[in-house]
């Protein structure tokens, strides 16, 4: 799927959405790790639930997504917050090195970008990452295995960062309970 087709797909999906999403669980559940101030970015932000969460906590926040529909919606909602939303293909224009204190990535996976994402953290900066796994209990998430993580793969995509939190439950125990189909990571760039 080329960039234009991909943008149209996401524009249609976001145009049909009635409600703004909640922040990613990895971000909300680990918010106590966030700095009091600094610069943050929500990559592939969609309608910006995580970006809004970061901006409401006082972080100067950028939100980047391929979909202009998502970005326009987010700009309207975030009018009074320290948040700048931009339509941007992060695969073509990844973040600059040592630019952010916090980076949030949810339900997006381009493995080739991982070194650039890690490099975009300032020393001491935090990465909050959550996306889908191949080991799953239902059909939620992307159909293509290319956009799903292997077991424990997320732990290895950012080898130069310090793992502060990790969660991936797979199919063990009661599959109707817990955090399933996804992996979560909070990692820090060494100071």
C-alpha atoms as a PDB file:
ATOM      1  CA  UNK A   1       0.000   0.000   0.000  1.00  0.00           C
ATOM      2  CA  UNK A   2       1.519   3.330  -1.015  1.00  0.00           C
ATOM      3  CA  UNK A   3       1.500   6.472   1.136  1.00  0.00           C
ATOM      4  CA  UNK A   4      -1.601   7.991  -0.516  1.00  0.00           C
ATOM      5  CA  UNK A   5      -3.648   4.808  -0.077  1.00  0.00           C
ATOM      6  CA  UNK A   6      -2.450   4.457   3.499  1.00  0.00           C
ATOM      7  CA  UNK A   7      -3.385   8.057   4.300  1.00  0.00           C
ATOM      8  CA  UNK A   8      -6.866   7.552   2.785  1.00  0.00           C
ATOM      9  CA  UNK A   9      -7.385   4.391   4.828  1.00  0.00           C
ATOM     10  CA  UNK A  10      -6.592   6.183   8.090  1.00  0.00           C
ATOM     11  CA  UNK A  11      -8.519   9.330   7.105  1.00  0.00           C
ATOM     12  CA  UNK A  12     -11.659   7.188   6.579  1.00  0.00           C
ATOM     13  CA  UNK A  13     -11.194   5.442   9.904  1.00  0.00           C
ATOM     14  CA  UNK A  14     -10.661   8.674  11.870  1.00  0.00           C
ATOM     15  CA  UNK A  15     -13.526  10.483  10.103  1.00  0.00           C
ATOM     16  CA  UNK A  16     -15.894   7.762  11.363  1.00  0.00           C
ATOM     17  CA  UNK A  17     -14.741   8.007  14.971  1.00  0.00           C
ATOM     18  CA  UNK A  18     -17.068   9.761  17.409  1.00  0.00           C
ATOM     19  CA  UNK A  19     -14.925   9.856  20.539  1.00  0.00           C
ATOM     20  CA  UNK A  20     -11.368  10.725  21.377  1.00  0.00           C
ATOM     21  CA  UNK A  21      -9.357   7.753  22.597  1.00  0.00           C
ATOM     22  CA  UNK A  22      -7.949   7.322  26.070  1.00  0.00           C
ATOM     23  CA  UNK A  23      -4.166   7.449  26.438  1.00  0.00           C
ATOM     24  CA  UNK A  24      -2.268   4.225  25.950  1.00  0.00           C
ATOM     25  CA  UNK A  25      -2.382   1.984  28.987  1.00  0.00           C
ATOM     26  CA  UNK A  26       1.419   1.890  29.166  1.00  0.00           C
ATOM     27  CA  UNK A  27       1.434   5.683  29.503  1.00  0.00           C
ATOM     28  CA  UNK A  28      -1.495   6.053  31.901  1.00  0.00           C
ATOM     29  CA  UNK A  29      -0.346   3.191  34.147  1.00  0.00           C
ATOM     30  CA  UNK A  30       3.226   4.508  34.321  1.00  0.00           C
ATOM     31  CA  UNK A  31       2.523   8.258  34.388  1.00  0.00           C
ATOM     32  CA  UNK A  32       4.375   8.498  37.707  1.00  0.00           C
ATOM     33  CA  UNK A  33       7.608   8.052  35.706  1.00  0.00           C
ATOM     34  CA  UNK A  34       7.009  11.155  33.552  1.00  0.00           C
ATOM     35  CA  UNK A  35       9.156  14.246  34.062  1.00  0.00           C
ATOM     36  CA  UNK A  36       7.516  17.374  35.481  1.00  0.00           C
ATOM     37  CA  UNK A  37       8.446  19.394  32.385  1.00  0.00           C
ATOM     38  CA  UNK A  38      10.036  18.856  29.004  1.00  0.00           C
ATOM     39  CA  UNK A  39       9.327  18.083  25.373  1.00  0.00           C
ATOM     40  CA  UNK A  40       7.237  15.108  24.302  1.00  0.00           C
ATOM     41  CA  UNK A  41       6.076  13.586  21.029  1.00  0.00           C
ATOM     42  CA  UNK A  42       3.304  11.097  20.278  1.00  0.00           C
ATOM     43  CA  UNK A  43       4.361   9.272  17.090  1.00  0.00           C
ATOM     44  CA  UNK A  44       1.593   7.928  14.829  1.00  0.00           C
ATOM     45  CA  UNK A  45      -0.736   9.625  17.305  1.00  0.00           C
ATOM     46  CA  UNK A  46      -4.074   8.963  15.616  1.00  0.00           C
ATOM     47  CA  UNK A  47      -6.701  11.075  17.377  1.00  0.00           C
ATOM     48  CA  UNK A  48      -4.167  11.872  20.082  1.00  0.00           C
ATOM     49  CA  UNK A  49      -5.330  10.342  23.350  1.00  0.00           C
ATOM     50  CA  UNK A  50      -1.743  10.024  24.559  1.00  0.00           C
ATOM     51  CA  UNK A  51      -0.724  13.442  23.198  1.00  0.00           C
ATOM     52  CA  UNK A  52      -3.598  15.104  25.074  1.00  0.00           C
ATOM     53  CA  UNK A  53      -2.613  13.237  28.248  1.00  0.00           C
ATOM     54  CA  UNK A  54       0.996  14.445  27.961  1.00  0.00           C
ATOM     55  CA  UNK A  55      -0.002  18.053  27.226  1.00  0.00           C
ATOM     56  CA  UNK A  56      -2.459  18.113  30.144  1.00  0.00           C
ATOM     57  CA  UNK A  57       0.432  17.124  32.394  1.00  0.00           C
ATOM     58  CA  UNK A  58       2.291  20.249  31.248  1.00  0.00           C
ATOM     59  CA  UNK A  59       4.714  18.750  28.742  1.00  0.00           C
ATOM     60  CA  UNK A  60       5.284  20.688  25.512  1.00  0.00           C
ATOM     61  CA  UNK A  61       3.840  18.072  23.186  1.00  0.00           C
ATOM     62  CA  UNK A  62       3.989  17.364  19.507  1.00  0.00           C
ATOM     63  CA  UNK A  63       1.633  14.886  17.877  1.00  0.00           C
ATOM     64  CA  UNK A  64       2.478  13.449  14.466  1.00  0.00           C
ATOM     65  CA  UNK A  65       0.253  11.306  12.281  1.00  0.00           C
ATOM     66  CA  UNK A  66      -0.043  10.483   8.604  1.00  0.00           C
ATOM     67  CA  UNK A  67      -3.755  11.366   8.617  1.00  0.00           C
ATOM     68  CA  UNK A  68      -4.714  15.045   8.168  1.00  0.00           C
ATOM     69  CA  UNK A  69      -8.209  14.149   9.427  1.00  0.00           C
ATOM     70  CA  UNK A  70      -6.798  12.916  12.732  1.00  0.00           C
ATOM     71  CA  UNK A  71      -4.503  15.946  13.044  1.00  0.00           C
ATOM     72  CA  UNK A  72      -7.311  18.453  12.360  1.00  0.00           C
ATOM     73  CA  UNK A  73      -9.538  16.788  14.958  1.00  0.00           C
ATOM     74  CA  UNK A  74      -6.748  16.830  17.519  1.00  0.00           C
ATOM     75  CA  UNK A  75      -5.927  20.490  16.828  1.00  0.00           C
ATOM     76  CA  UNK A  76      -9.544  21.488  17.555  1.00  0.00           C
ATOM     77  CA  UNK A  77      -9.607  19.588  20.848  1.00  0.00           C
ATOM     78  CA  UNK A  78      -6.173  20.783  21.983  1.00  0.00           C
ATOM     79  CA  UNK A  79      -6.674  24.493  21.293  1.00  0.00           C
ATOM     80  CA  UNK A  80      -5.780  25.600  24.855  1.00  0.00           C
ATOM     81  CA  UNK A  81      -3.026  23.057  25.520  1.00  0.00           C
ATOM     82  CA  UNK A  82       0.746  23.118  24.852  1.00  0.00           C
ATOM     83  CA  UNK A  83       0.242  20.762  21.911  1.00  0.00           C
ATOM     84  CA  UNK A  84       1.202  21.079  18.240  1.00  0.00           C
ATOM     85  CA  UNK A  85      -0.291  18.482  15.904  1.00  0.00           C
ATOM     86  CA  UNK A  86       1.200  17.896  12.480  1.00  0.00           C
ATOM     87  CA  UNK A  87       0.422  15.647   9.543  1.00  0.00           C
ATOM     88  CA  UNK A  88       3.722  13.845   9.088  1.00  0.00           C
ATOM     89  CA  UNK A  89       4.911  10.523   7.729  1.00  0.00           C
ATOM     90  CA  UNK A  90       7.370   9.511  10.428  1.00  0.00           C
ATOM     91  CA  UNK A  91       8.848   6.801   8.230  1.00  0.00           C
ATOM     92  CA  UNK A  92      10.003   9.514   5.817  1.00  0.00           C
ATOM     93  CA  UNK A  93      10.626  12.212   8.441  1.00  0.00           C
ATOM     94  CA  UNK A  94      11.579  10.594  11.766  1.00  0.00           C
ATOM     95  CA  UNK A  95      12.306  12.740  14.816  1.00  0.00           C
ATOM     96  CA  UNK A  96      15.668  14.486  15.141  1.00  0.00           C
ATOM     97  CA  UNK A  97      18.362  13.139  17.453  1.00  0.00           C
ATOM     98  CA  UNK A  98      18.214  14.149  21.129  1.00  0.00           C
ATOM     99  CA  UNK A  99      15.051  16.197  20.635  1.00  0.00           C
ATOM    100  CA  UNK A 100      12.575  14.768  23.188  1.00  0.00           C
ATOM    101  CA  UNK A 101      12.333  13.963  26.880  1.00  0.00           C
ATOM    102  CA  UNK A 102       9.349  11.651  26.270  1.00  0.00           C
ATOM    103  CA  UNK A 103       8.377   9.649  23.198  1.00  0.00           C
ATOM    104  CA  UNK A 104       5.119   7.744  23.019  1.00  0.00           C
ATOM    105  CA  UNK A 105       4.381   5.137  20.340  1.00  0.00           C
ATOM    106  CA  UNK A 106       1.150   3.167  20.243  1.00  0.00           C
ATOM    107  CA  UNK A 107      -0.085   0.494  17.882  1.00  0.00           C
ATOM    108  CA  UNK A 108       2.515   1.355  15.260  1.00  0.00           C
ATOM    109  CA  UNK A 109       5.443  -0.809  14.232  1.00  0.00           C
ATOM    110  CA  UNK A 110       8.190   0.035  11.750  1.00  0.00           C
ATOM    111  CA  UNK A 111      11.192  -1.874  13.026  1.00  0.00           C
ATOM    112  CA  UNK A 112      13.647   0.119  10.876  1.00  0.00           C
ATOM    113  CA  UNK A 113      12.669   3.294  12.777  1.00  0.00           C
ATOM    114  CA  UNK A 114      13.505   1.939  16.229  1.00  0.00           C
ATOM    115  CA  UNK A 115      17.159   3.137  16.231  1.00  0.00           C
ATOM    116  CA  UNK A 116      16.007   6.619  15.136  1.00  0.00           C
ATOM    117  CA  UNK A 117      13.308   6.687  17.835  1.00  0.00           C
ATOM    118  CA  UNK A 118      15.855   5.737  20.515  1.00  0.00           C
ATOM    119  CA  UNK A 119      18.291   8.366  19.214  1.00  0.00           C
ATOM    120  CA  UNK A 120      15.562  11.036  19.389  1.00  0.00           C
ATOM    121  CA  UNK A 121      15.492  10.734  23.186  1.00  0.00           C
ATOM    122  CA  UNK A 122      17.577  13.160  25.184  1.00  0.00           C
ATOM    123  CA  UNK A 123      19.808  11.617  27.865  1.00  0.00           C
ATOM    124  CA  UNK A 124      17.485  10.433  30.633  1.00  0.00           C
ATOM    125  CA  UNK A 125      14.496  10.551  28.265  1.00  0.00           C
ATOM    126  CA  UNK A 126      11.721   7.967  28.366  1.00  0.00           C
ATOM    127  CA  UNK A 127      10.100   5.847  25.670  1.00  0.00           C
ATOM    128  CA  UNK A 128       6.543   4.571  26.246  1.00  0.00           C
ATOM    129  CA  UNK A 129       5.794   1.913  23.607  1.00  0.00           C
ATOM    130  CA  UNK A 130       2.764  -0.343  23.205  1.00  0.00           C
ATOM    131  CA  UNK A 131       1.803  -2.443  20.196  1.00  0.00           C
ATOM    132  CA  UNK A 132       0.335  -5.742  19.076  1.00  0.00           C
ATOM    133  CA  UNK A 133       1.932  -9.184  19.366  1.00  0.00           C
ATOM    134  CA  UNK A 134       1.700 -12.311  17.249  1.00  0.00           C
ATOM    135  CA  UNK A 135       0.866 -14.365  20.327  1.00  0.00           C
ATOM    136  CA  UNK A 136      -2.768 -13.395  20.875  1.00  0.00           C
ATOM    137  CA  UNK A 137      -6.074 -14.614  22.214  1.00  0.00           C
ATOM    138  CA  UNK A 138      -8.363 -12.979  19.598  1.00  0.00           C
ATOM    139  CA  UNK A 139      -8.293 -11.211  16.232  1.00  0.00           C
ATOM    140  CA  UNK A 140      -7.899  -7.623  17.467  1.00  0.00           C
ATOM    141  CA  UNK A 141      -5.188  -5.534  15.880  1.00  0.00           C
ATOM    142  CA  UNK A 142      -3.616  -5.678  12.439  1.00  0.00           C
ATOM    143  CA  UNK A 143      -4.174  -8.687  10.222  1.00  0.00           C
ATOM    144  CA  UNK A 144      -0.634  -8.653   8.860  1.00  0.00           C
ATOM    145  CA  UNK A 145       1.971 -10.438  10.952  1.00  0.00           C
ATOM    146  CA  UNK A 146       4.479  -7.842   9.695  1.00  0.00           C
ATOM    147  CA  UNK A 147       2.902  -5.307  12.050  1.00  0.00           C
ATOM    148  CA  UNK A 148       2.963  -7.617  15.071  1.00  0.00           C
ATOM    149  CA  UNK A 149       5.795  -8.389  17.462  1.00  0.00           C
ATOM    150  CA  UNK A 150       7.313 -11.793  18.056  1.00  0.00           C
ATOM    151  CA  UNK A 151       7.456 -12.996  21.651  1.00  0.00           C
ATOM    152  CA  UNK A 152       9.723 -10.604  23.626  1.00  0.00           C
ATOM    153  CA  UNK A 153      10.769  -8.815  20.429  1.00  0.00           C
ATOM    154  CA  UNK A 154      10.011  -5.378  21.876  1.00  0.00           C
ATOM    155  CA  UNK A 155      12.676  -5.969  24.521  1.00  0.00           C
ATOM    156  CA  UNK A 156      15.282  -6.286  21.766  1.00  0.00           C
ATOM    157  CA  UNK A 157      14.252  -3.421  19.450  1.00  0.00           C
ATOM    158  CA  UNK A 158      15.822  -0.804  21.749  1.00  0.00           C
ATOM    159  CA  UNK A 159      19.054  -2.458  22.986  1.00  0.00           C
ATOM    160  CA  UNK A 160      20.730   0.778  24.115  1.00  0.00           C
ATOM    161  CA  UNK A 161      17.869   1.813  26.414  1.00  0.00           C
ATOM    162  CA  UNK A 162      17.369   0.759  30.030  1.00  0.00           C
ATOM    163  CA  UNK A 163      14.147  -1.208  30.530  1.00  0.00           C
ATOM    164  CA  UNK A 164      12.100   0.342  33.338  1.00  0.00           C
ATOM    165  CA  UNK A 165       8.872  -1.578  32.747  1.00  0.00           C
ATOM    166  CA  UNK A 166       7.808  -4.449  30.485  1.00  0.00           C
ATOM    167  CA  UNK A 167       4.591  -6.423  30.104  1.00  0.00           C
ATOM    168  CA  UNK A 168       3.604  -9.144  27.658  1.00  0.00           C
ATOM    169  CA  UNK A 169       1.222 -11.832  28.886  1.00  0.00           C
ATOM    170  CA  UNK A 170       0.763 -14.034  25.813  1.00  0.00           C
ATOM    171  CA  UNK A 171      -1.829 -16.792  26.163  1.00  0.00           C
ATOM    172  CA  UNK A 172      -1.005 -18.179  29.611  1.00  0.00           C
ATOM    173  CA  UNK A 173      -3.617 -18.443  32.363  1.00  0.00           C
ATOM    174  CA  UNK A 174      -7.148 -17.140  31.892  1.00  0.00           C
ATOM    175  CA  UNK A 175      -7.182 -15.575  28.388  1.00  0.00           C
ATOM    176  CA  UNK A 176     -10.331 -13.587  29.202  1.00  0.00           C
ATOM    177  CA  UNK A 177      -8.457 -11.527  31.791  1.00  0.00           C
ATOM    178  CA  UNK A 178      -5.338  -9.402  31.853  1.00  0.00           C
ATOM    179  CA  UNK A 179      -3.474  -7.439  29.210  1.00  0.00           C
ATOM    180  CA  UNK A 180      -3.601  -9.577  26.063  1.00  0.00           C
ATOM    181  CA  UNK A 181      -2.535  -9.321  22.418  1.00  0.00           C
ATOM    182  CA  UNK A 182      -0.038  -6.511  23.068  1.00  0.00           C
ATOM    183  CA  UNK A 183       3.333  -5.756  24.622  1.00  0.00           C
ATOM    184  CA  UNK A 184       4.260  -2.685  26.669  1.00  0.00           C
ATOM    185  CA  UNK A 185       7.643  -1.124  27.280  1.00  0.00           C
ATOM    186  CA  UNK A 186       8.917   1.857  29.218  1.00  0.00           C
ATOM    187  CA  UNK A 187      12.620   2.387  28.573  1.00  0.00           C
ATOM    188  CA  UNK A 188      15.089   5.147  29.377  1.00  0.00           C
ATOM    189  CA  UNK A 189      18.061   6.500  27.492  1.00  0.00           C
ATOM    190  CA  UNK A 190      21.105   6.427  29.798  1.00  0.00           C
ATOM    191  CA  UNK A 191      22.156   9.802  31.181  1.00  0.00           C
END
